[in-house]
Amino acid sequence: MFQLYKKRGFSEFISDTFAFLKLEGKNYFKNYFIINGPLLLILVVCIYFAMKVYMDALFSSVNSQNFGENQLLNDLMNNIPIFIFLGIISFFAILFISFVSYSFPISYLKLVSTKSDITTQSIFQTMKVKLGKTILFFLASILVFLPIIAITVTLLILLSIIIIGIPLLIILIPALFSWIKLSYYDYISTENDYLKSVGNGFELLKSKFWPIVGSTMIMYLIYYIIYSVFTMVPYLLGIWGIFSNMDPQVNQEETFSTMSIVVSAVLVIATISNYTLQNLIFINQGIIFYSLTDEKENISIKSDIDLIGSDSE
């Protein structure tokens, strides 16, 4: 089983993230999709049909002689009940998916840290036990972190006018995200109250600021590169295929219909990729959290001493 409690530096924060995925990735994502898959399926079905209805209305209005007479608006208004229905379902799906996406990695790593059996049921049970704290963290963070982020980003954007804000923006945005995630890990993994965990998260970030910020920046960069490959490549291939086979003699409605399917499908791929790849960030922050906790409490050393004692017996 993967060793979470271990002293690490900048390079280990990144390399051990992928070492974890190599060792636990198959079981991790299998359980992730067992728990979150049905909700993701509901969401992407809603997104697909909502986007397809919109694109069909758009292309229909382009072909219509009444395009200048608010044809698009009329077509969309005719489909308002569909949009409302899909919107309500999507809202609740996103709500539950977000809960699973944020609590699943922490629950999984918690089981790894305690060397427990990792099954779908044990993960789900751990998530259920922490449900109240997860909801409370998000509600409290709206009051605590949202103003901090808003003020910081506004100041950095203003400072960007005199250049100095650009490097500060690159550094402080990952630092803020890491602070939130480390606070969340502390809050869910311990019995600390919210403000205590926020303070602990800040202290953990401060203890190894540059290695944490550097590894967080790189993980986000990896996230965006992989995300772009999953979204832009299918989109560009689909659009290229459509326009390379366009024939003025062919019915344009068929071309527009195919294009709407391509755009809808890419949006579906983007949604699934986004939620799946978020796990990279959470696993990386979890490894950072457990590493810093080990440096603070020497858990790995105590564990080694216990093992020596058990071997001598």
Foldseek 3Di string as FASTA:
>chain_A
DQDLAAADFLVCLQVVLVVCCVVCVVVLVVLLCVVLVVLLVLQLVLLLVVLLQLLLLVVVLVPDPCVVVCSSVVSVVVCVVSNVVSVVSNVVSCVVLVLSLLQQLLLQVLCVNVVHDDDSVSSVVLSVVCVVVSVVLVVVCVVPVVVVVVVLVVVLVVCVVVPPSVVVCLQVVLLSVLLSLQLVSPSSNDVDDNVVSSVVSNVLCVVRVPSSSVNSSVLVVVLVVVLCCQQVVLLVVQVCVLVVPDDPVDDVSVSSSSNSSSVSVSVSSSSVSVSVSVSSNSSSSSSSNSNSVCVVVVPVVVVVVVVVVVVVD
